[in-house]
Amino acid sequence: MRVVEHCVHGKHSDPAECEDGVFAGEHFVAVVDGSTDKSGKRFADRTPGRVARDLILEGLEDADPECGPNELIEMMDRRISDWYAQNNIVNRMEREPASRASASIAVYSAHRREVWMVGDCLARTENDLIQNDKRIDHLLAELRAFVLESRVFDGANEAELLRNDEGRAAVAPFLVLQSRFQNRELSSDFNYHVLDGFLPAKRGIRIERIPDDCRQLVLASDGYPDPRMTLAESERVLGKLLEQDPLLFRSLRSTKGAYPGQRSFDDRAYIRIEIP
């Protein structure tokens, strides 16, 4: 494998606030998307998503080159649960899923020629975009858009709503409530999986075989909603989206917008590799 280009950009100017990351090793390449904090709690000076990101990136350094998806993902998840144990917060994290150190991942295994995904990161080949989004995000994005459209109908302008996103405020309780479905073994359309120390064994892992004729592969966090085969084009598409719809409630519906003082609506990570 050869890394052609990569980047990590936080939505805030302080790099310490960024919850996304990339990993490029001899046998694995990955993007990690630490979940946006919804609890308002921190572990020392780090958000829960930043903790999860750091633990996963460190763990990838030690991964067996020939391990399979279940083995690798379980090892990453165990690093988070072990961290809870070291900090004596296992019981609290079990009770408070919204406070957990959580992250999504997309990782490419050179040995298996596969992409393994947990959560809502993305991958792109020359021919296909591979998405792994969750139903609850679409539901809450629609609800936020409904609230914002109603405020526009009442006369609010978009600049006002960027300063005071009433749509985000409306869905905020549900963003916390959704964590009840996080890594639960319930029979529900709203279940979803992330790495948070409680991922059920052999659950929630999407496996995509990369075609033999594929020579370039992109992995990205969902801060790039439509990643392209070059970083420049990915940035151009994102920039056009943010220019046309900074609230992200029309052309692309999201649970948050690109607010004043932010570089984008979300942290973003991107890596493109050549594969033999």
Protein backbone atom coordinates (compact mmCIF):
# COMPACT_ATOMS: atom_id res chain seq x y z
CA MET A 1 0.00 0.00 0.00
CA ARG A 2 1.05 3.56 -0.59
CA VAL A 3 -0.57 6.58 1.02
CA VAL A 4 -1.26 9.14 -1.69
CA GLU A 5 -2.73 11.87 0.51
CA HIS A 6 -4.46 12.34 3.82
CA CYS A 7 -5.76 15.05 6.13
CA VAL A 8 -7.47 15.65 9.45
CA HIS A 9 -9.32 18.93 10.07
CA GLY A 10 -11.29 19.86 13.16
CA LYS A 11 -14.43 21.94 12.96
CA HIS A 12 -12.87 24.17 15.64
CA SER A 13 -9.52 25.94 15.30
CA ASP A 14 -8.02 24.14 18.34
CA PRO A 15 -6.55 20.80 17.14
CA ALA A 16 -7.01 19.35 20.63
CA GLU A 17 -10.79 19.54 20.11
CA CYS A 18 -10.68 17.38 16.96
CA GLU A 19 -12.20 13.92 17.46
CA ASP A 20 -11.28 12.42 14.06
CA GLY A 21 -8.03 10.75 13.10
CA VAL A 22 -6.25 8.66 10.47
CA PHE A 23 -3.95 5.67 10.76
CA ALA A 24 -1.52 4.53 8.07
CA GLY A 25 0.52 1.42 8.75
CA GLU A 26 2.12 -1.32 6.72
CA HIS A 27 -0.89 -3.64 7.01
CA PHE A 28 -3.84 -1.46 7.98
CA VAL A 29 -5.15 1.96 7.00
CA ALA A 30 -8.04 3.53 8.88
CA VAL A 31 -10.11 6.59 9.64
CA VAL A 32 -11.57 6.97 13.11
CA ASP A 33 -14.46 9.31 13.89
CA GLY A 34 -14.89 10.03 17.58
CA SER A 35 -18.57 10.61 18.33
CA THR A 36 -19.64 14.20 18.98
CA ASP A 37 -20.16 14.68 22.71
CA LYS A 38 -23.82 14.93 23.76
CA SER A 39 -23.36 14.67 27.54
CA GLY A 40 -21.24 17.76 28.20
CA LYS A 41 -18.86 15.65 30.29
CA ARG A 42 -15.11 15.33 29.82
CA PHE A 43 -12.40 12.94 30.91
CA ALA A 44 -9.76 15.32 32.24
CA ASP A 45 -9.21 17.63 29.25
CA ARG A 46 -10.59 15.29 26.56
CA THR A 47 -14.06 14.74 25.15
CA PRO A 48 -15.35 11.14 25.17
CA GLY A 49 -14.96 11.00 21.38
CA ARG A 50 -11.35 12.14 21.61
CA VAL A 51 -10.59 9.45 24.21
CA ALA A 52 -12.06 6.75 21.96
CA ARG A 53 -10.17 8.08 18.95
CA ASP A 54 -6.85 8.07 20.79
CA LEU A 55 -7.32 4.56 22.20
CA ILE A 56 -8.23 3.12 18.79
CA LEU A 57 -5.35 4.79 16.93
CA GLU A 58 -2.91 3.49 19.55
CA GLY A 59 -4.40 0.00 19.33
CA LEU A 60 -4.00 -0.21 15.57
CA GLU A 61 -0.23 0.02 16.04
CA ASP A 62 -0.26 -3.40 17.73
CA ALA A 63 -2.75 -5.23 15.51
CA ASP A 64 -1.78 -8.62 14.08
CA PRO A 65 -1.39 -8.13 10.28
CA GLU A 66 -3.35 -11.31 9.56
CA CYS A 67 -6.19 -10.88 12.05
CA GLY A 68 -9.78 -10.90 10.85
CA PRO A 69 -12.49 -8.30 11.31
CA ASN A 70 -14.01 -9.77 14.48
CA GLU A 71 -10.62 -10.06 16.15
CA LEU A 72 -9.51 -6.53 15.26
CA ILE A 73 -12.78 -4.81 16.15
CA GLU A 74 -13.12 -6.71 19.43
CA MET A 75 -9.55 -5.73 20.33
CA MET A 76 -10.29 -2.04 19.64
CA ASP A 77 -13.49 -2.18 21.68
CA ARG A 78 -11.71 -3.96 24.53
CA ARG A 79 -9.18 -1.14 24.73
CA ILE A 80 -12.04 1.21 25.55
CA SER A 81 -13.59 -1.13 28.15
CA ASP A 82 -10.15 -1.65 29.73
CA TRP A 83 -9.76 2.11 29.94
CA TYR A 84 -13.07 2.31 31.81
CA ALA A 85 -11.81 -0.32 34.24
CA GLN A 86 -8.54 1.53 34.80
CA ASN A 87 -10.51 4.66 35.67
CA ASN A 88 -13.12 2.86 37.81
CA ILE A 89 -16.07 4.00 35.68
CA VAL A 90 -17.34 0.73 34.18
CA ASN A 91 -20.64 0.80 36.06
CA ARG A 92 -21.26 4.46 35.26
CA MET A 93 -20.56 3.91 31.58
CA GLU A 94 -22.92 0.96 31.54
CA ARG A 95 -25.68 3.16 32.99
CA GLU A 96 -24.88 6.26 30.90
CA PRO A 97 -24.33 5.31 27.25
CA ALA A 98 -24.46 8.98 26.20
CA SER A 99 -21.29 9.57 28.26
CA ARG A 100 -19.25 6.72 26.78
CA ALA A 101 -16.03 7.11 24.84
CA SER A 102 -17.48 6.24 21.42
CA ALA A 103 -16.18 6.18 17.87
CA SER A 104 -16.84 4.89 14.37
CA ILE A 105 -14.15 3.31 12.22
CA ALA A 106 -13.43 2.26 8.65
CA VAL A 107 -10.28 0.15 8.34
CA TYR A 108 -8.69 -1.45 5.30
CA SER A 109 -6.87 -4.77 5.74
CA ALA A 110 -4.18 -5.31 3.13
CA HIS A 111 -3.96 -9.02 4.00
CA ARG A 112 -7.70 -9.60 3.50
CA ARG A 113 -8.24 -6.89 0.87
CA GLU A 114 -11.35 -5.83 2.79
CA VAL A 115 -12.78 -2.73 4.40
CA TRP A 116 -14.30 -3.25 7.86
CA MET A 117 -16.73 -0.66 9.15
CA VAL A 118 -18.43 -0.01 12.47
CA GLY A 119 -20.50 3.15 12.62
CA ASP A 120 -20.90 5.83 9.99
CA CYS A 121 -17.54 6.28 8.29
CA LEU A 122 -17.38 5.95 4.50
CA ALA A 123 -15.25 4.38 1.79
CA ARG A 124 -14.97 5.02 -1.93
CA THR A 125 -13.44 3.07 -4.79
CA GLU A 126 -13.18 4.23 -8.38
CA ASN A 127 -16.69 2.85 -8.96
CA ASP A 128 -18.58 2.81 -5.66
CA LEU A 129 -19.38 4.88 -2.58
CA ILE A 130 -19.77 2.67 0.49
CA GLN A 131 -21.92 4.25 3.21
CA ASN A 132 -22.83 2.86 6.60
CA ASP A 133 -25.17 5.47 8.06
CA LYS A 134 -27.88 4.81 10.62
CA ARG A 135 -31.62 5.34 10.55
CA ILE A 136 -31.77 7.43 13.73
CA ASP A 137 -29.55 10.08 12.15
CA HIS A 138 -31.93 10.47 9.21
CA LEU A 139 -34.92 10.68 11.53
CA LEU A 140 -33.41 13.43 13.70
CA ALA A 141 -32.01 15.31 10.71
CA GLU A 142 -35.52 15.38 9.23
CA LEU A 143 -36.96 16.61 12.52
CA ARG A 144 -34.35 19.38 12.77
CA ALA A 145 -35.05 20.40 9.18
CA PHE A 146 -38.78 20.52 9.95
CA VAL A 147 -38.21 22.85 12.92
CA LEU A 148 -35.87 25.12 10.93
CA GLU A 149 -38.23 25.29 7.95
CA SER A 150 -41.05 26.29 10.30
CA ARG A 151 -38.91 29.10 11.72
CA VAL A 152 -38.06 30.32 8.21
CA PHE A 153 -41.78 30.25 7.43
CA ASP A 154 -42.31 32.47 10.50
CA GLY A 155 -39.78 34.98 9.18
CA ALA A 156 -36.45 33.97 10.72
CA ASN A 157 -33.47 34.27 8.40
CA GLU A 158 -30.69 31.74 8.11
CA ALA A 159 -28.08 34.01 9.69
CA GLU A 160 -30.21 34.21 12.84
CA LEU A 161 -30.69 30.45 12.88
CA LEU A 162 -26.95 29.87 12.51
CA ARG A 163 -26.44 31.96 15.65
CA ASN A 164 -29.30 30.23 17.45
CA ASP A 165 -30.03 26.84 15.91
CA GLU A 166 -33.49 26.13 17.24
CA GLY A 167 -33.59 22.93 15.22
CA ARG A 168 -30.54 21.56 17.02
CA ALA A 169 -32.05 22.59 20.35
CA ALA A 170 -35.24 20.74 19.45
CA VAL A 171 -33.46 17.46 18.66
CA ALA A 172 -30.88 17.70 21.49
CA PRO A 173 -32.93 15.58 23.96
CA PHE A 174 -33.40 12.93 21.29
CA LEU A 175 -29.66 12.88 20.55
CA VAL A 176 -29.19 11.81 24.17
CA LEU A 177 -32.18 9.46 24.05
CA GLN A 178 -30.82 7.67 20.98
CA SER A 179 -27.93 6.32 23.05
CA ARG A 180 -30.39 3.88 24.62
CA PHE A 181 -30.23 2.02 21.32
CA GLN A 182 -26.41 2.11 21.13
CA ASN A 183 -24.97 -1.42 21.02
CA ARG A 184 -28.16 -2.87 22.45
CA GLU A 185 -29.21 -6.35 21.41
CA LEU A 186 -32.82 -5.30 21.06
CA SER A 187 -34.98 -6.03 18.06
CA SER A 188 -35.43 -2.46 16.84
CA ASP A 189 -34.99 -0.50 13.63
CA PHE A 190 -33.22 2.18 15.68
CA ASN A 191 -30.38 0.01 16.96
CA TYR A 192 -26.90 1.08 15.91
CA HIS A 193 -23.33 0.06 16.67
CA VAL A 194 -20.18 1.98 17.56
CA LEU A 195 -16.94 1.21 19.35
CA ASP A 196 -17.67 2.22 22.94
CA GLY A 197 -16.45 -0.66 25.12
CA PHE A 198 -19.81 -2.42 24.95
CA LEU A 199 -19.99 -3.63 21.35
CA PRO A 200 -21.57 -7.12 21.30
CA ALA A 201 -19.17 -9.75 20.00
CA LYS A 202 -19.34 -10.28 16.24
CA ARG A 203 -22.08 -7.66 15.85
CA GLY A 204 -22.29 -4.43 13.91
CA ILE A 205 -19.31 -5.05 11.61
CA ARG A 206 -19.84 -4.39 7.91
CA ILE A 207 -17.35 -6.18 5.66
CA GLU A 208 -16.75 -5.05 2.08
CA ARG A 209 -14.48 -6.97 -0.28
CA ILE A 210 -12.46 -4.59 -2.47
CA PRO A 211 -12.48 -5.74 -6.12
CA ASP A 212 -9.23 -7.11 -7.51
CA ASP A 213 -9.15 -4.45 -10.22
CA CYS A 214 -9.45 -1.59 -7.73
CA ARG A 215 -6.21 0.38 -7.52
CA GLN A 216 -7.21 3.31 -5.33
CA LEU A 217 -9.27 3.43 -2.16
CA VAL A 218 -10.53 6.35 -0.07
CA LEU A 219 -11.60 6.15 3.57
CA ALA A 220 -13.30 9.15 5.19
CA SER A 221 -15.24 10.21 8.23
CA ASP A 222 -18.72 11.60 7.67
CA GLY A 223 -17.36 15.13 7.94
CA TYR A 224 -16.99 14.49 4.21
CA PRO A 225 -20.59 13.52 3.34
CA ASP A 226 -19.57 12.86 -0.28
CA PRO A 227 -15.86 11.97 -0.36
CA ARG A 228 -14.30 11.89 -3.82
CA MET A 229 -11.24 10.19 -5.26
CA THR A 230 -9.02 13.20 -4.53
CA LEU A 231 -8.79 15.34 -1.44
CA ALA A 232 -9.03 18.54 -3.51
CA GLU A 233 -12.32 17.43 -5.06
CA SER A 234 -13.66 16.29 -1.68
CA GLU A 235 -12.88 19.72 -0.24
CA ARG A 236 -14.46 21.44 -3.24
CA VAL A 237 -17.69 19.46 -2.88
CA LEU A 238 -17.82 20.12 0.87
CA GLY A 239 -17.08 23.82 0.39
CA LYS A 240 -19.86 24.18 -2.18
CA LEU A 241 -22.29 22.43 0.16
CA LEU A 242 -21.42 24.71 3.09
CA GLU A 243 -21.66 27.79 0.89
CA GLN A 244 -25.12 26.88 -0.39
CA ASP A 245 -26.58 25.49 2.83
CA PRO A 246 -24.47 26.28 5.94
CA LEU A 247 -27.34 25.21 8.21
CA LEU A 248 -27.40 21.83 6.47
CA PHE A 249 -31.16 21.46 6.48
CA ARG A 250 -31.98 21.47 2.76
CA SER A 251 -29.43 20.18 0.24
CA LEU A 252 -28.02 17.82 2.88
CA ARG A 253 -29.95 17.30 6.08
CA SER A 254 -27.81 16.95 9.17
CA THR A 255 -28.35 17.15 12.92
CA LYS A 256 -26.05 20.21 13.06
CA GLY A 257 -24.85 23.08 10.93
CA ALA A 258 -21.63 24.96 10.25
CA TYR A 259 -21.89 27.64 12.90
CA PRO A 260 -20.08 31.00 13.11
CA GLY A 261 -16.45 30.54 14.14
CA GLN A 262 -16.34 26.93 12.93
CA ARG A 263 -14.45 25.61 9.92
CA SER A 264 -17.20 23.15 9.00
CA PHE A 265 -20.20 21.38 10.45
CA ASP A 266 -18.09 18.46 11.72
CA ASP A 267 -14.54 17.24 12.16
CA ARG A 268 -13.29 15.46 9.07
CA ALA A 269 -10.64 12.89 8.19
CA TYR A 270 -9.61 11.55 4.78
CA ILE A 271 -7.02 9.15 3.45
CA ARG A 272 -6.42 7.86 -0.09
CA ILE A 273 -4.20 4.88 -0.81
CA GLU A 274 -2.93 2.97 -3.79
CA ILE A 275 -3.33 -0.78 -3.44
CA PRO A 276 -1.59 -3.45 -5.53
